[in-house]
Protein backbone atom coordinates (compact mmCIF):
# COMPACT_ATOMS: atom_id res chain seq x y z
CA MET A 1 0.00 0.00 0.00
CA ARG A 2 1.55 3.29 -1.12
CA ILE A 3 0.60 6.37 0.89
CA ALA A 4 1.77 9.94 0.32
CA THR A 5 1.30 13.49 1.54
CA TRP A 6 1.62 16.63 -0.58
CA ASN A 7 0.94 20.30 -0.01
CA VAL A 8 -0.25 20.99 -3.56
CA ASN A 9 -0.60 24.78 -3.12
CA SER A 10 -3.86 25.08 -5.11
CA ILE A 11 -5.23 21.88 -6.59
CA ARG A 12 -7.03 23.72 -9.39
CA ALA A 13 -3.73 25.10 -10.62
CA ARG A 14 -1.91 21.76 -10.30
CA VAL A 15 -4.48 19.04 -10.87
CA GLY A 16 -2.72 17.76 -14.01
CA ARG A 17 0.68 17.22 -12.47
CA THR A 18 -0.86 15.93 -9.20
CA VAL A 19 -2.91 13.19 -10.84
CA ASP A 20 -0.09 12.39 -13.28
CA TRP A 21 2.30 11.85 -10.37
CA MET A 22 -0.21 9.71 -8.48
CA VAL A 23 -0.74 7.41 -11.46
CA ARG A 24 2.94 7.29 -12.33
CA GLU A 25 3.92 6.40 -8.77
CA ASP A 26 1.02 3.99 -8.26
CA ILE A 27 -0.26 5.88 -5.22
CA ASP A 28 -3.09 4.27 -3.28
CA VAL A 29 -3.77 7.21 -0.93
CA LEU A 30 -2.74 10.87 -1.18
CA ALA A 31 -3.26 13.35 1.64
CA MET A 32 -3.36 16.87 0.20
CA GLN A 33 -3.00 20.24 1.89
CA GLU A 34 -3.64 23.81 0.74
CA ILE A 35 -6.16 22.76 -1.88
CA LYS A 36 -7.42 26.38 -1.76
CA CYS A 37 -10.98 25.73 -2.89
CA LYS A 38 -14.45 24.75 -1.79
CA PRO A 39 -15.61 21.15 -2.40
CA GLU A 40 -17.75 22.23 -5.36
CA GLN A 41 -14.68 23.86 -6.95
CA PHE A 42 -12.42 20.83 -6.58
CA PRO A 43 -11.44 19.24 -9.96
CA LEU A 44 -12.95 15.92 -8.99
CA GLU A 45 -13.38 14.55 -12.49
CA ALA A 46 -9.64 14.13 -13.09
CA PHE A 47 -9.25 12.09 -9.91
CA GLU A 48 -12.30 9.95 -10.61
CA ALA A 49 -11.05 9.25 -14.14
CA ALA A 50 -7.83 7.95 -12.59
CA GLY A 51 -9.73 5.65 -10.23
CA TYR A 52 -9.76 7.71 -7.02
CA GLU A 53 -12.53 8.83 -4.72
CA VAL A 54 -11.88 12.06 -2.86
CA ALA A 55 -13.00 13.50 0.47
CA ILE A 56 -12.72 17.30 0.43
CA HIS A 57 -12.74 19.96 3.14
CA GLY A 58 -12.33 23.59 2.15
CA PHE A 59 -14.08 26.90 2.67
CA SER A 60 -12.41 29.40 0.35
CA GLN A 61 -9.22 30.21 -1.52
CA TRP A 62 -7.21 29.63 1.69
CA ASN A 63 -6.13 26.44 3.44
CA GLY A 64 -8.18 23.30 2.69
CA VAL A 65 -7.35 19.60 2.90
CA ALA A 66 -8.39 16.49 1.01
CA ILE A 67 -7.72 12.76 0.81
CA ALA A 68 -7.78 10.85 -2.48
CA SER A 69 -7.93 7.06 -2.32
CA ARG A 70 -8.32 4.05 -4.56
CA LEU A 71 -9.74 2.22 -1.54
CA PRO A 72 -12.95 3.05 0.35
CA LEU A 73 -12.81 6.05 2.68
CA GLU A 74 -14.47 5.33 6.02
CA ASP A 75 -15.15 7.36 9.18
CA VAL A 76 -14.23 10.67 7.55
CA THR A 77 -13.98 13.61 9.92
CA THR A 78 -12.86 17.23 9.53
CA THR A 79 -12.08 18.17 13.10
CA PHE A 80 -10.54 16.75 16.25
CA GLU A 81 -11.34 17.18 19.92
CA GLY A 82 -10.20 20.55 21.22
CA MET A 83 -9.22 21.87 17.79
CA PRO A 84 -8.99 25.66 18.16
CA GLY A 85 -10.37 28.20 15.74
CA PHE A 86 -8.90 31.45 14.49
CA LEU A 87 -10.12 34.78 13.21
CA LYS A 88 -7.69 37.63 12.75
CA GLY A 89 -8.22 40.30 15.38
CA GLN A 90 -10.65 38.19 17.39
CA GLU A 91 -10.35 36.12 20.55
CA GLY A 92 -12.61 33.75 22.45
CA PRO A 93 -13.74 30.13 22.60
CA ASP A 94 -16.10 30.23 19.61
CA LEU A 95 -13.74 31.25 16.81
CA PRO A 96 -14.41 29.58 13.43
CA LYS A 97 -12.54 26.37 12.71
CA GLU A 98 -10.33 26.53 9.63
CA ALA A 99 -10.15 23.76 7.02
CA ARG A 100 -6.88 22.27 8.22
CA ALA A 101 -7.62 18.66 9.20
CA MET A 102 -9.21 15.57 7.72
CA GLY A 103 -9.12 12.04 9.09
CA ALA A 104 -10.23 8.82 7.38
CA THR A 105 -9.84 5.09 7.87
CA ILE A 106 -8.57 3.31 4.76
CA ASN A 107 -7.80 -0.40 4.54
CA GLY A 108 -7.73 -0.61 8.32
CA VAL A 109 -5.31 2.33 8.73
CA ARG A 110 -6.29 5.64 10.33
CA LEU A 111 -4.83 8.51 8.30
CA TRP A 112 -4.90 12.28 8.77
CA SER A 113 -4.21 15.04 6.27
CA LEU A 114 -3.04 18.04 8.27
CA TYR A 115 -2.13 21.62 7.43
CA VAL A 116 -0.67 23.05 10.62
CA PRO A 117 -1.00 26.84 11.02
CA ASN A 118 2.04 28.78 9.83
CA GLY A 119 2.50 30.94 12.91
CA ARG A 120 3.52 34.01 10.86
CA SER A 121 5.82 35.58 13.47
CA LEU A 122 6.76 34.98 17.08
CA ASP A 123 4.67 37.93 18.29
CA ASP A 124 1.63 37.20 16.15
CA PRO A 125 -1.59 35.67 17.59
CA HIS A 126 -1.27 33.08 14.82
CA TYR A 127 1.83 31.73 16.58
CA VAL A 128 -0.14 31.08 19.79
CA TYR A 129 -2.88 29.53 17.65
CA LYS A 130 -0.30 27.24 16.04
CA LEU A 131 0.99 26.00 19.40
CA ASP A 132 -2.55 25.49 20.72
CA TRP A 133 -3.50 23.64 17.54
CA LEU A 134 -0.56 21.25 17.82
CA ALA A 135 -1.21 20.64 21.53
CA ALA A 136 -4.87 19.81 20.88
CA LEU A 137 -3.89 17.48 18.02
CA LYS A 138 -1.44 15.65 20.28
CA ASN A 139 -4.03 15.24 23.04
CA ASP A 140 -6.72 14.02 20.67
CA THR A 141 -4.29 11.57 19.04
CA ALA A 142 -3.23 10.21 22.45
CA ASN A 143 -6.87 9.64 23.39
CA TRP A 144 -7.61 7.97 20.05
CA LEU A 145 -4.65 5.61 20.41
CA THR A 146 -5.83 4.62 23.88
CA LYS A 147 -9.32 3.86 22.60
CA ASN A 148 -8.11 2.02 19.47
CA PRO A 149 -5.15 -0.12 20.54
CA GLY A 150 -3.41 -1.95 17.73
CA VAL A 151 -4.87 0.14 14.90
CA PRO A 152 -2.16 1.73 12.71
CA LEU A 153 -2.33 5.52 12.63
CA ALA A 154 -0.40 8.22 10.78
CA LEU A 155 -0.50 12.01 10.95
CA MET A 156 0.55 13.32 7.53
CA GLY A 157 1.00 16.75 6.11
CA ASP A 158 2.61 20.17 6.27
CA PHE A 159 3.59 20.74 9.91
CA ASN A 160 5.25 24.13 9.30
CA VAL A 161 8.02 23.22 11.75
CA ALA A 162 11.62 22.23 11.05
CA PRO A 163 12.32 19.94 14.03
CA PHE A 164 16.12 19.93 13.71
CA ASP A 165 18.76 22.35 12.49
CA SER A 166 19.49 19.99 9.60
CA ASP A 167 15.89 20.50 8.44
CA MET A 168 16.44 24.22 7.84
CA GLY A 169 18.37 25.55 4.86
CA ASP A 170 16.52 28.80 4.24
CA PRO A 171 18.78 31.73 5.24
CA SER A 172 15.78 34.02 5.71
CA ILE A 173 14.66 31.94 8.72
CA ILE A 174 16.55 33.27 11.73
CA PRO A 175 16.52 31.43 15.08
CA GLY A 176 15.10 33.65 17.79
CA LEU A 177 13.26 35.84 15.31
CA SER A 178 11.39 33.50 12.95
CA THR A 179 8.75 30.83 13.23
CA HIS A 180 9.31 27.20 12.20
CA VAL A 181 12.47 26.86 14.30
CA SER A 182 11.52 28.30 17.70
CA PRO A 183 12.03 26.09 20.77
CA ALA A 184 8.31 26.05 21.52
CA GLU A 185 7.42 24.82 18.02
CA ARG A 186 10.10 22.16 18.11
CA GLU A 187 8.94 21.04 21.54
CA ALA A 188 5.37 20.80 20.22
CA ILE A 189 6.53 18.41 17.50
CA ALA A 190 8.75 16.44 19.86
CA ALA A 191 5.71 15.95 22.13
CA PHE A 192 4.21 13.56 19.58
CA GLY A 193 7.07 11.24 20.42
CA GLU A 194 5.84 11.18 24.01
CA ILE A 195 2.64 9.49 22.84
CA GLY A 196 4.50 6.96 20.70
CA LEU A 197 4.55 8.58 17.25
CA THR A 198 7.74 8.64 15.20
CA ASP A 199 8.83 10.19 11.92
CA VAL A 200 8.71 7.06 9.75
CA VAL A 201 10.49 8.70 6.79
CA ARG A 202 13.61 10.07 8.46
CA PRO A 203 15.22 6.68 9.27
CA LEU A 204 14.99 5.73 5.59
CA VAL A 205 15.59 9.20 4.11
CA PRO A 206 17.81 11.02 6.62
CA GLU A 207 18.46 14.06 4.40
CA GLY A 208 16.36 16.16 2.07
CA PHE A 209 14.07 19.17 2.15
CA THR A 210 10.36 19.11 1.25
CA TYR A 211 9.73 22.83 0.68
CA TRP A 212 11.51 25.66 -1.14
CA ASP A 213 10.21 29.22 -1.29
CA TYR A 214 9.53 30.52 -4.81
CA LYS A 215 11.63 33.63 -4.10
CA GLN A 216 15.36 34.30 -4.24
CA LEU A 217 16.25 31.16 -6.22
CA ARG A 218 15.72 29.07 -3.12
CA PHE A 219 15.24 25.83 -5.06
CA PRO A 220 18.28 26.08 -7.39
CA ARG A 221 20.37 26.93 -4.34
CA ASN A 222 18.74 24.13 -2.33
CA GLU A 223 17.82 26.57 0.42
CA GLY A 224 14.78 24.68 1.58
CA MET A 225 13.09 23.28 4.64
CA ARG A 226 11.97 19.86 5.76
CA ILE A 227 8.50 20.57 7.13
CA ASP A 228 6.29 17.85 5.58
CA PHE A 229 6.10 14.67 7.63
CA ILE A 230 4.45 11.31 8.18
CA LEU A 231 4.31 10.59 11.91
CA GLY A 232 3.23 7.03 12.60
CA SER A 233 2.17 4.97 15.59
CA PRO A 234 4.27 1.88 16.40
CA GLU A 235 1.78 -0.27 14.54
CA PHE A 236 2.07 1.97 11.48
CA ALA A 237 5.86 2.19 11.68
CA GLU A 238 6.14 -1.59 11.69
CA LEU A 239 4.40 -1.70 8.31
CA VAL A 240 6.73 0.79 6.59
CA THR A 241 9.10 -0.88 4.12
CA ALA A 242 10.23 2.12 2.03
CA ALA A 243 10.08 5.90 1.96
CA SER A 244 10.99 8.69 -0.43
CA ILE A 245 10.95 12.47 -0.88
CA HIS A 246 10.11 13.34 -4.49
CA ARG A 247 12.33 16.37 -5.04
CA ASN A 248 11.87 16.38 -8.82
CA GLU A 249 8.26 17.48 -8.40
CA ARG A 250 9.60 20.92 -7.47
CA LYS A 251 10.92 21.20 -11.02
CA GLY A 252 9.09 21.86 -14.27
CA GLU A 253 6.16 24.09 -15.10
CA ALA A 254 4.11 25.65 -12.29
CA PRO A 255 5.22 23.38 -9.46
CA SER A 256 4.00 23.55 -5.89
CA ASP A 257 6.54 24.93 -3.46
CA HIS A 258 6.29 21.58 -1.62
CA VAL A 259 7.05 18.07 -2.89
CA PRO A 260 5.40 14.73 -2.12
CA VAL A 261 6.58 12.50 0.71
CA LEU A 262 5.78 8.82 0.24
CA VAL A 263 5.84 5.64 2.30
CA GLU A 264 5.19 2.08 1.25
CA LEU A 265 3.44 -0.24 3.70
CA ASP A 266 3.60 -4.00 3.91
CA LEU A 267 -0.16 -4.10 3.68
CA PRO A 268 -1.96 -5.80 0.83
CA THR A 269 -4.59 -4.04 -1.22
CA GLU A 270 -7.07 -5.72 -3.48
CA ASP A 271 -5.80 -6.01 -7.04
CA ASP A 272 -7.89 -3.96 -9.40
CA ASP A 273 -7.34 -4.85 -13.03
CA ASP A 274 -10.01 -2.35 -13.99
CA ARG A 275 -8.04 0.71 -12.94
CA PRO A 276 -8.13 3.39 -15.63
CA MET A 277 -5.00 3.59 -17.75
CA ILE A 278 -3.73 7.16 -18.11
CA PHE A 279 -0.81 8.03 -20.33
């Protein structure tokens, strides 16, 4: 079973290369972030023609997540317990929830597509929102694991945090002044290890960025960041047989600023000889 995550940075602008990559790489499940559209605007036909069903969660031209799968999507949800909301300039317990999370069970595996808030700057309310969001996600995941022992689980997506110095190659990100590398953000990611989750890609792909800003020739200079992850429970990690970061998807015409991250699981899927052939 081949599972991937990709911040596509507008699915309407990149549907062709997204579906082409999925078919070419024989992807069973793709978690997408920053789809930047409402469900009725999503280019569903291209995915269906390639043999995928899609669950979509988006409100406008910002944020948005989706999961495309060749296998049935079950128990789909678009929020988690304690998930905070955000509205610029507003505070309080009833702020609107953004389209940043989607969970689904596929072939007996619980998968999440997550677009963690950016944080913007260390003195911005969005930074506090980011830390609260990650803390709530950790708590909800811990509770879910307790209630569903033995079920493989993975949190996948754009975490907007570079956990280690080796994950940061963008010279515009300055420790002590910038988000993505602050101690509090790194501690928030490390906290997932306390509940048993591990980065299942890093042991197999120890080096490599997943994001490069469009500006200042960041990609040709390889001044990127590793901020897209697949964090798996022990049961999920035991299934992982291979992993890869698809750097070449940052090349070519109109690429996303992120690239796909893929893992292969030792988990059989039903053969489907009727899958559409796309060339």
